Protein backbone atom coordinates (compact mmCIF):
# COMPACT_ATOMS: atom_id res chain seq x y z
CA UNK A 1 0.00 0.00 0.00
CA UNK A 2 1.48 3.32 -1.05
CA UNK A 3 1.80 6.33 1.22
CA UNK A 4 -0.74 8.25 -0.87
CA UNK A 5 -3.25 5.41 -0.58
CA UNK A 6 -2.84 5.31 3.19
CA UNK A 7 -3.38 9.04 3.43
CA UNK A 8 -6.45 8.82 1.23
CA UNK A 9 -7.97 6.09 3.40
CA UNK A 10 -7.16 7.95 6.59
CA UNK A 11 -8.81 11.00 5.07
CA UNK A 12 -11.96 8.99 4.35
CA UNK A 13 -12.06 7.75 7.95
CA UNK A 14 -11.60 11.28 9.26
CA UNK A 15 -14.36 12.59 7.01
CA UNK A 16 -16.69 9.80 8.14
CA UNK A 17 -16.03 10.59 11.81
CA UNK A 18 -16.57 14.30 11.16
CA UNK A 19 -19.83 13.68 9.31
CA UNK A 20 -21.05 11.33 12.04
CA UNK A 21 -20.22 13.89 14.71
CA UNK A 22 -21.97 16.63 12.74
CA UNK A 23 -25.07 14.44 12.33
CA UNK A 24 -25.15 13.73 16.06
CA UNK A 25 -24.89 17.43 16.80
CA UNK A 26 -27.73 18.12 14.38
CA UNK A 27 -29.90 15.51 16.07
CA UNK A 28 -29.16 17.01 19.48
CA UNK A 29 -30.09 20.49 18.27
CA UNK A 30 -33.31 19.17 16.72
CA UNK A 31 -34.22 17.34 19.94
CA UNK A 32 -33.53 20.41 22.06
CA UNK A 33 -35.61 22.59 19.77
CA UNK A 34 -38.51 20.14 20.04
CA UNK A 35 -38.33 20.35 23.83
CA UNK A 36 -38.35 24.16 23.73
CA UNK A 37 -41.27 24.21 21.29
CA UNK A 38 -43.23 21.93 23.61
CA UNK A 39 -42.52 24.07 26.66
CA UNK A 40 -43.46 27.27 24.87
CA UNK A 41 -46.64 25.63 23.59
CA UNK A 42 -47.63 24.69 27.16
CA UNK A 43 -47.05 28.29 28.24
CA UNK A 44 -49.11 29.60 25.32
CA UNK A 45 -51.98 27.30 26.31
CA UNK A 46 -51.90 28.79 29.79
CA UNK A 47 -52.08 32.26 28.24
CA UNK A 48 -55.17 31.29 26.25
CA UNK A 49 -53.41 31.29 22.87
CA UNK A 50 -54.25 27.84 21.50
CA UNK A 51 -53.59 28.55 17.81
CA UNK A 52 -50.04 29.66 18.55
CA UNK A 53 -49.57 26.71 20.88
CA UNK A 54 -50.74 24.37 18.14
CA UNK A 55 -48.11 25.71 15.75
CA UNK A 56 -45.39 25.03 18.32
CA UNK A 57 -46.69 21.52 18.99
CA UNK A 58 -46.70 20.89 15.24
CA UNK A 59 -43.01 21.81 15.10
CA UNK A 60 -42.20 19.65 18.12
CA UNK A 61 -44.03 16.62 16.72
CA UNK A 62 -42.43 17.05 13.27
CA UNK A 63 -38.91 17.27 14.73
CA UNK A 64 -39.37 14.29 17.03
CA UNK A 65 -41.04 12.22 14.31
CA UNK A 66 -38.05 12.81 12.05
CA UNK A 67 -35.59 11.72 14.74
CA UNK A 68 -37.59 8.58 15.53
CA UNK A 69 -38.11 7.74 11.86
CA UNK A 70 -34.47 8.20 10.87
CA UNK A 71 -32.67 6.91 13.95
CA UNK A 72 -35.23 5.21 16.20
CA UNK A 73 -34.11 7.23 19.22
CA UNK A 74 -35.50 5.56 22.34
CA UNK A 75 -35.60 8.75 24.39
CA UNK A 76 -37.12 10.76 21.56
CA UNK A 77 -39.72 8.02 21.07
CA UNK A 78 -40.79 8.72 24.65
CA UNK A 79 -40.86 12.48 23.98
CA UNK A 80 -42.94 11.90 20.84
CA UNK A 81 -45.39 9.77 22.83
CA UNK A 82 -45.82 12.81 25.13
CA UNK A 83 -46.01 15.45 22.37
CA UNK A 84 -48.85 13.73 20.49
CA UNK A 85 -51.35 13.83 23.39
CA UNK A 86 -50.19 17.34 24.35
CA UNK A 87 -51.20 18.51 20.86
CA UNK A 88 -54.37 16.44 21.07
CA UNK A 89 -55.44 18.37 24.18
CA UNK A 90 -55.25 21.65 22.24
CA UNK A 91 -57.11 20.15 19.28
CA UNK A 92 -59.79 18.83 21.64
CA UNK A 93 -60.33 22.28 23.14
CA UNK A 94 -60.69 23.63 19.59
CA UNK A 95 -63.26 20.85 18.94
CA UNK A 96 -61.08 19.36 16.21
CA UNK A 97 -61.86 15.90 17.48
CA UNK A 98 -60.76 13.78 14.53
CA UNK A 99 -57.30 15.33 14.56
CA UNK A 100 -57.10 14.94 18.34
CA UNK A 101 -58.08 11.29 17.98
CA UNK A 102 -55.33 10.70 15.40
CA UNK A 103 -52.75 12.13 17.80
CA UNK A 104 -53.95 9.93 20.64
CA UNK A 105 -53.99 6.87 18.39
CA UNK A 106 -50.35 7.58 17.51
CA UNK A 107 -49.38 8.15 21.15
CA UNK A 108 -51.07 4.98 22.39
CA UNK A 109 -49.54 2.89 19.59
CA UNK A 110 -46.09 4.14 20.61
CA UNK A 111 -46.79 3.70 24.31
CA UNK A 112 -48.06 0.12 23.91
CA UNK A 113 -44.80 -0.89 22.24
CA UNK A 114 -42.77 0.89 24.91
CA UNK A 115 -44.69 -0.83 27.73
CA UNK A 116 -43.76 -4.24 26.32
CA UNK A 117 -40.06 -3.34 26.60
CA UNK A 118 -40.35 -1.24 29.76
CA UNK A 119 -43.38 -2.26 31.88
CA UNK A 120 -42.59 0.02 34.82
CA UNK A 121 -45.57 1.40 36.71
CA UNK A 122 -45.11 4.97 35.48
CA UNK A 123 -45.09 3.81 31.85
CA UNK A 124 -48.34 1.89 32.29
CA UNK A 125 -49.89 4.79 34.22
CA UNK A 126 -49.10 7.11 31.31
CA UNK A 127 -50.68 4.62 28.90
CA UNK A 128 -53.79 4.51 31.08
CA UNK A 129 -53.97 8.32 31.18
CA UNK A 130 -53.80 8.48 27.38
CA UNK A 131 -56.50 5.79 27.07
CA UNK A 132 -58.67 7.80 29.44
CA UNK A 133 -58.17 10.91 27.33
CA UNK A 134 -58.98 9.02 24.14
CA UNK A 135 -62.12 7.74 25.81
CA UNK A 136 -63.10 11.36 26.52
CA UNK A 137 -62.57 12.30 22.87
CA UNK A 138 -64.50 9.28 21.60
CA UNK A 139 -67.34 10.02 24.00
CA UNK A 140 -67.51 13.62 22.75
CA UNK A 141 -67.67 12.27 19.18
CA UNK A 142 -70.51 9.90 20.07
CA UNK A 143 -68.38 6.78 19.50
CA UNK A 144 -69.52 5.30 22.77
CA UNK A 145 -68.62 1.64 22.27
CA UNK A 146 -65.04 2.67 21.64
CA UNK A 147 -65.06 5.10 24.57
CA UNK A 148 -66.24 2.35 26.93
CA UNK A 149 -63.44 0.06 25.74
CA UNK A 150 -60.80 2.67 26.43
CA UNK A 151 -62.26 3.50 29.85
CA UNK A 152 -62.38 -0.20 30.68
CA UNK A 153 -58.74 -0.71 29.76
CA UNK A 154 -57.64 2.39 31.68
CA UNK A 155 -59.51 1.16 34.75
CA UNK A 156 -57.99 -2.29 34.48
CA UNK A 157 -54.47 -0.92 34.23
CA UNK A 158 -55.15 1.20 37.30
CA UNK A 159 -56.54 -1.76 39.24
CA UNK A 160 -53.49 -3.80 38.25
CA UNK A 161 -51.16 -1.04 39.47
CA UNK A 162 -53.06 -0.79 42.76
CA UNK A 163 -52.79 -4.53 43.24
CA UNK A 164 -49.05 -4.38 42.68
CA UNK A 165 -48.70 -1.55 45.18
CA UNK A 166 -50.61 -3.48 47.85
CA UNK A 167 -48.53 -6.62 47.37
CA UNK A 168 -45.15 -4.87 47.12
CA UNK A 169 -43.09 -4.35 50.29
CA UNK A 170 -42.92 -0.78 51.57
CA UNK A 171 -40.02 1.09 50.01
CA UNK A 172 -38.43 4.36 50.93
CA UNK A 173 -39.41 7.05 48.41
CA UNK A 174 -36.30 8.37 46.67
CA UNK A 175 -36.11 11.86 45.19
CA UNK A 176 -36.52 11.99 41.38
CA UNK A 177 -33.37 12.07 39.29
CA UNK A 178 -32.38 12.69 35.70
CA UNK A 179 -35.13 13.04 33.11
CA UNK A 180 -37.85 12.27 35.65
CA UNK A 181 -36.66 15.15 37.82
CA UNK A 182 -36.55 17.59 34.93
CA UNK A 183 -40.07 16.66 33.84
CA UNK A 184 -41.43 16.92 37.39
CA UNK A 185 -40.09 20.46 37.63
CA UNK A 186 -41.86 21.59 34.46
CA UNK A 187 -44.80 23.78 35.53
CA UNK A 188 -48.29 22.95 34.30
CA UNK A 189 -47.17 19.87 32.38
CA UNK A 190 -50.00 18.71 30.04
CA UNK A 191 -48.99 15.10 30.70
CA UNK A 192 -49.26 15.67 34.46
CA UNK A 193 -52.73 17.13 33.94
CA UNK A 194 -53.81 14.01 32.02
CA UNK A 195 -52.44 11.74 34.72
CA UNK A 196 -54.17 13.80 37.41
CA UNK A 197 -57.46 13.56 35.51
CA UNK A 198 -57.02 9.80 35.30
CA UNK A 199 -55.88 9.41 38.92
CA UNK A 200 -58.64 11.53 40.46
CA UNK A 201 -61.19 9.03 39.28
CA UNK A 202 -64.44 9.57 37.50
CA UNK A 203 -63.58 6.72 35.16
CA UNK A 204 -66.34 4.49 36.49
CA UNK A 205 -68.80 7.36 36.13
CA UNK A 206 -67.65 8.11 32.59
CA UNK A 207 -67.82 4.45 31.64
CA UNK A 208 -71.35 4.20 33.01
CA UNK A 209 -72.41 7.43 31.30
CA UNK A 210 -70.97 6.26 27.98
CA UNK A 211 -72.76 2.92 28.24
CA UNK A 212 -76.00 4.61 29.20
CA UNK A 213 -75.76 7.06 26.29
CA UNK A 214 -74.96 4.18 23.93
CA UNK A 215 -77.95 2.22 25.19
CA UNK A 216 -80.26 5.24 24.86
CA UNK A 217 -79.08 5.83 21.28
CA UNK A 218 -79.72 2.21 20.39
CA UNK A 219 -83.20 2.30 21.95
CA UNK A 220 -84.08 5.51 20.12
CA UNK A 221 -82.94 4.05 16.81
CA UNK A 222 -84.87 0.87 17.50
CA UNK A 223 -88.03 2.79 18.37
CA UNK A 224 -87.73 4.90 15.22
CA UNK A 225 -87.07 2.06 12.78
CA UNK A 226 -88.44 -0.93 14.62
CA UNK A 227 -85.16 -2.76 14.23
CA UNK A 228 -82.14 -3.00 16.52
CA UNK A 229 -79.92 -3.34 13.49
CA UNK A 230 -80.44 0.31 12.60
CA UNK A 231 -78.70 1.56 15.74
CA UNK A 232 -75.72 3.84 15.07
CA UNK A 233 -72.58 2.09 13.90
CA UNK A 234 -69.42 2.69 15.86
CA UNK A 235 -66.01 1.69 14.52
CA UNK A 236 -64.42 -1.20 16.34
CA UNK A 237 -61.06 -0.48 17.93
CA UNK A 238 -58.68 -3.16 19.19
CA UNK A 239 -57.87 -3.21 22.87
CA UNK A 240 -54.45 -3.31 24.46
CA UNK A 241 -52.95 -6.78 24.05
CA UNK A 242 -49.47 -6.59 25.51
CA UNK A 243 -47.84 -7.96 28.64
CA UNK A 244 -50.11 -8.05 31.67
CA UNK A 245 -52.76 -6.17 29.73
CA UNK A 246 -53.84 -9.28 27.82
CA UNK A 247 -56.17 -10.45 30.59
CA UNK A 248 -58.97 -7.90 30.60
CA UNK A 249 -61.96 -7.85 32.88
CA UNK A 250 -65.37 -8.60 31.37
CA UNK A 251 -67.74 -5.72 30.73
CA UNK A 252 -71.00 -5.95 32.65
CA UNK A 253 -74.06 -5.46 30.48
CA UNK A 254 -76.36 -4.12 33.18
CA UNK A 255 -75.75 -0.75 34.77
CA UNK A 256 -77.28 0.76 37.86
CA UNK A 257 -79.33 3.81 37.02
């Protein structure tokens, strides 16, 4: 091998390392920008400026989607699973329900895959909170069968988590560290609001109300047309089928008034 050939090959290696380093820096900048866009969007929501917030969430989702699509970043996959429902909350308030539903579908699909790999309690609690929120959207859209399914699954995840807490030995609560600490310090986090809405209950009431509304709609359609088959059609959505979520509780047909 000649000296010129060696230098040429060394130059190629150096260029490759430089390009790789530049790409990593670009990814880091893109990820940081997405985080800033999300934080500014949350602040804009608090100020009552949803259209501006929506533009920032769009930028955050686009940046994170690109990172996940090109490199499959695990951490950015988690951030994307948070950004989708954050944007959905703004779309819901603007009564753009179909778009909000698409965001929640994307978030839940991501979260289900993540729970299989990382079934920690906080991951499953976040999944349950997103299912609860999707149930709210579906209920607002009149898709009551689907809403009941999501409420049911959210309740079952919560009951499973409670069962684990009761059976686990008491552990000393450690202060949050790393990414968890940074997220907990973020004021008015939309994700925290969703988890609070899920944790404060009302799921049983919402499930019952959705079933009752579904039943009333079916009875009205039956009375009008004389046939049960003419009741409104709701699209069927698959339930969570991963890990401990495979065993789901049966849905009772009769509800107390």
